[in-house]
Amino acid sequence: MKKALAETKLSVSFTEHDLRAKVGSDAETDEDAQRQLDHASVQMTRKVYRRKAVTMPVAKGFKIKNRED
């Protein structure tokens, strides 16, 4: 961490635990995350590390309303 803070534009400290969580949450699929984190089951990966919300595209013909409306 000290080396990363000294040699890059990072300004906030982090831990190894943070890096593991980032890898788990940024993987393209649950299976990729499972493989990268070396979990025995994809269920463990989903339960602990898959933190990002899944977003779905808006169906054709529907409009997204602004919260200010």
N, C-alpha and C. Protein backbone atom coordinates (compact mmCIF):
# COMPACT_ATOMS: atom_id res chain seq x y z
N MET A 1 0.83 -1.18 0.00
CA MET A 1 0.00 0.00 0.00
C MET A 1 0.88 1.25 0.00
N LYS A 2 1.91 1.25 0.82
CA LYS A 2 2.78 2.43 0.89
C LYS A 2 3.41 2.72 -0.46
N LYS A 3 3.85 1.68 -1.14
CA LYS A 3 4.46 1.85 -2.46
C LYS A 3 3.45 2.39 -3.46
N ALA A 4 2.23 1.85 -3.43
CA ALA A 4 1.18 2.31 -4.34
C ALA A 4 0.85 3.78 -4.09
N LEU A 5 0.76 4.17 -2.84
CA LEU A 5 0.46 5.56 -2.51
C LEU A 5 1.61 6.49 -2.92
N ALA A 6 2.83 6.00 -2.78
CA ALA A 6 3.99 6.83 -3.11
C ALA A 6 4.21 6.97 -4.62
N GLU A 7 3.90 5.92 -5.38
CA GLU A 7 4.25 5.90 -6.80
C GLU A 7 3.08 6.13 -7.76
N THR A 8 1.89 6.32 -7.24
CA THR A 8 0.72 6.55 -8.11
C THR A 8 -0.04 7.78 -7.64
N LYS A 9 -1.17 8.03 -8.29
CA LYS A 9 -2.00 9.18 -7.93
C LYS A 9 -3.00 8.84 -6.83
N LEU A 10 -2.92 7.65 -6.25
CA LEU A 10 -3.82 7.28 -5.17
C LEU A 10 -3.60 8.19 -3.97
N SER A 11 -4.68 8.56 -3.31
CA SER A 11 -4.56 9.43 -2.15
C SER A 11 -5.23 8.83 -0.90
N VAL A 12 -5.94 7.73 -1.07
CA VAL A 12 -6.65 7.10 0.04
C VAL A 12 -6.01 5.75 0.32
N SER A 13 -5.76 5.45 1.57
CA SER A 13 -5.16 4.16 1.90
C SER A 13 -6.16 3.03 1.72
N PHE A 14 -5.65 1.82 1.63
CA PHE A 14 -6.48 0.65 1.41
C PHE A 14 -5.81 -0.55 2.07
N THR A 15 -6.53 -1.67 2.13
CA THR A 15 -5.98 -2.89 2.70
C THR A 15 -6.05 -4.01 1.67
N GLU A 16 -5.38 -5.13 1.95
CA GLU A 16 -5.47 -6.28 1.06
C GLU A 16 -6.91 -6.76 0.97
N HIS A 17 -7.64 -6.67 2.06
CA HIS A 17 -9.05 -7.06 2.07
C HIS A 17 -9.85 -6.22 1.07
N ASP A 18 -9.55 -4.93 1.00
CA ASP A 18 -10.22 -4.05 0.04
C ASP A 18 -9.94 -4.50 -1.39
N LEU A 19 -8.70 -4.89 -1.67
CA LEU A 19 -8.35 -5.32 -3.01
C LEU A 19 -9.09 -6.59 -3.40
N ARG A 20 -9.19 -7.52 -2.48
CA ARG A 20 -9.91 -8.78 -2.74
C ARG A 20 -11.38 -8.49 -3.04
N ALA A 21 -11.98 -7.61 -2.25
CA ALA A 21 -13.38 -7.25 -2.47
C ALA A 21 -13.55 -6.58 -3.83
N LYS A 22 -12.60 -5.73 -4.23
CA LYS A 22 -12.67 -5.05 -5.52
C LYS A 22 -12.61 -6.05 -6.67
N VAL A 23 -11.71 -7.01 -6.57
CA VAL A 23 -11.61 -8.05 -7.60
C VAL A 23 -12.93 -8.82 -7.69
N GLY A 24 -13.49 -9.18 -6.55
CA GLY A 24 -14.74 -9.95 -6.54
C GLY A 24 -15.91 -9.18 -7.09
N SER A 25 -15.98 -7.90 -6.82
CA SER A 25 -17.13 -7.13 -7.27
C SER A 25 -16.98 -6.62 -8.70
N ASP A 26 -15.76 -6.50 -9.21
CA ASP A 26 -15.55 -5.99 -10.56
C ASP A 26 -15.50 -7.05 -11.65
N ALA A 27 -15.45 -8.32 -11.29
CA ALA A 27 -15.40 -9.39 -12.29
C ALA A 27 -16.65 -9.34 -13.17
N GLU A 28 -16.49 -9.73 -14.42
CA GLU A 28 -17.60 -9.70 -15.38
C GLU A 28 -18.75 -10.62 -14.97
N THR A 29 -18.43 -11.83 -14.53
CA THR A 29 -19.47 -12.79 -14.16
C THR A 29 -19.18 -13.36 -12.78
N ASP A 30 -20.19 -14.01 -12.20
CA ASP A 30 -20.01 -14.67 -10.91
C ASP A 30 -18.95 -15.76 -11.01
N GLU A 31 -18.93 -16.47 -12.13
CA GLU A 31 -17.97 -17.55 -12.32
C GLU A 31 -16.54 -17.02 -12.42
N ASP A 32 -16.37 -15.88 -13.10
CA ASP A 32 -15.04 -15.25 -13.17
C ASP A 32 -14.57 -14.86 -11.77
N ALA A 33 -15.46 -14.27 -10.99
CA ALA A 33 -15.12 -13.87 -9.63
C ALA A 33 -14.77 -15.09 -8.79
N GLN A 34 -15.55 -16.15 -8.92
CA GLN A 34 -15.29 -17.38 -8.17
C GLN A 34 -13.90 -17.91 -8.49
N ARG A 35 -13.55 -17.95 -9.76
CA ARG A 35 -12.25 -18.46 -10.18
C ARG A 35 -11.11 -17.57 -9.65
N GLN A 36 -11.28 -16.25 -9.77
CA GLN A 36 -10.24 -15.33 -9.33
C GLN A 36 -10.04 -15.36 -7.82
N LEU A 37 -11.11 -15.58 -7.07
CA LEU A 37 -11.04 -15.61 -5.61
C LEU A 37 -10.78 -17.00 -5.05
N ASP A 38 -10.77 -18.00 -5.95
CA ASP A 38 -10.49 -19.39 -5.57
C ASP A 38 -11.49 -19.93 -4.56
N HIS A 39 -12.78 -19.65 -4.81
CA HIS A 39 -13.84 -20.19 -3.98
C HIS A 39 -14.27 -21.55 -4.50
N ALA A 40 -14.70 -22.42 -3.60
CA ALA A 40 -15.17 -23.75 -3.99
C ALA A 40 -16.54 -23.69 -4.65
N SER A 41 -17.35 -22.70 -4.26
CA SER A 41 -18.70 -22.61 -4.84
C SER A 41 -19.00 -21.17 -5.26
N VAL A 42 -19.80 -21.04 -6.30
CA VAL A 42 -20.19 -19.72 -6.77
C VAL A 42 -21.15 -19.07 -5.78
N GLN A 43 -21.86 -19.87 -4.98
CA GLN A 43 -22.77 -19.32 -3.98
C GLN A 43 -22.02 -18.48 -2.95
N MET A 44 -20.85 -18.93 -2.53
CA MET A 44 -20.05 -18.17 -1.56
C MET A 44 -19.61 -16.84 -2.19
N THR A 45 -19.21 -16.90 -3.43
CA THR A 45 -18.79 -15.68 -4.13
C THR A 45 -19.94 -14.68 -4.21
N ARG A 46 -21.12 -15.16 -4.59
CA ARG A 46 -22.29 -14.27 -4.69
C ARG A 46 -22.64 -13.68 -3.32
N LYS A 47 -22.61 -14.48 -2.30
CA LYS A 47 -23.03 -14.04 -0.97
C LYS A 47 -22.10 -12.96 -0.41
N VAL A 48 -20.80 -13.11 -0.61
CA VAL A 48 -19.83 -12.24 0.05
C VAL A 48 -19.32 -11.12 -0.84
N TYR A 49 -19.07 -11.39 -2.12
CA TYR A 49 -18.31 -10.44 -2.92
C TYR A 49 -19.05 -9.75 -4.06
N ARG A 50 -20.15 -10.29 -4.51
CA ARG A 50 -20.83 -9.68 -5.65
C ARG A 50 -21.73 -8.56 -5.13
N ARG A 51 -21.16 -7.36 -5.01
CA ARG A 51 -21.81 -6.24 -4.33
C ARG A 51 -22.49 -5.26 -5.26
N LYS A 52 -22.08 -5.21 -6.49
CA LYS A 52 -22.66 -4.22 -7.40
C LYS A 52 -24.08 -4.61 -7.78
N ALA A 53 -24.94 -3.62 -7.84
CA ALA A 53 -26.32 -3.87 -8.25
C ALA A 53 -26.36 -4.18 -9.74
N VAL A 54 -27.23 -5.08 -10.11
CA VAL A 54 -27.40 -5.41 -11.52
C VAL A 54 -28.34 -4.38 -12.13
N THR A 55 -27.94 -3.77 -13.22
CA THR A 55 -28.79 -2.80 -13.89
C THR A 55 -29.25 -3.38 -15.22
N MET A 56 -30.48 -3.14 -15.51
CA MET A 56 -31.08 -3.65 -16.74
C MET A 56 -31.42 -2.47 -17.64
N PRO A 57 -31.28 -2.64 -18.94
CA PRO A 57 -31.65 -1.55 -19.84
C PRO A 57 -33.17 -1.32 -19.81
N VAL A 58 -33.57 -0.10 -20.08
CA VAL A 58 -34.98 0.24 -20.13
C VAL A 58 -35.58 -0.36 -21.39
N ALA A 59 -36.75 -0.98 -21.26
CA ALA A 59 -37.40 -1.61 -22.40
C ALA A 59 -37.76 -0.55 -23.44
N LYS A 60 -37.70 -0.94 -24.69
CA LYS A 60 -38.01 -0.04 -25.79
C LYS A 60 -39.44 0.49 -25.65
N GLY A 61 -39.61 1.78 -25.82
CA GLY A 61 -40.92 2.39 -25.72
C GLY A 61 -41.21 3.02 -24.37
N PHE A 62 -40.38 2.76 -23.38
CA PHE A 62 -40.56 3.34 -22.05
C PHE A 62 -39.61 4.52 -21.88
N LYS A 63 -40.05 5.50 -21.11
CA LYS A 63 -39.22 6.65 -20.83
C LYS A 63 -38.78 6.61 -19.38
N ILE A 64 -37.60 7.12 -19.12
CA ILE A 64 -37.12 7.25 -17.75
C ILE A 64 -37.50 8.62 -17.26
N LYS A 65 -38.25 8.67 -16.16
CA LYS A 65 -38.65 9.96 -15.59
C LYS A 65 -37.55 10.48 -14.67
N ASN A 66 -37.36 11.77 -14.70
CA ASN A 66 -36.44 12.41 -13.76
C ASN A 66 -37.10 12.45 -12.40
N ARG A 67 -36.33 12.38 -11.36
CA ARG A 67 -36.89 12.43 -10.01
C ARG A 67 -37.48 13.78 -9.70
N GLU A 68 -37.09 14.80 -10.46
CA GLU A 68 -37.62 16.14 -10.23
C GLU A 68 -39.02 16.33 -10.78
N ASP A 69 -39.47 15.42 -11.66
CA ASP A 69 -40.81 15.56 -12.27
C ASP A 69 -41.91 15.34 -11.27
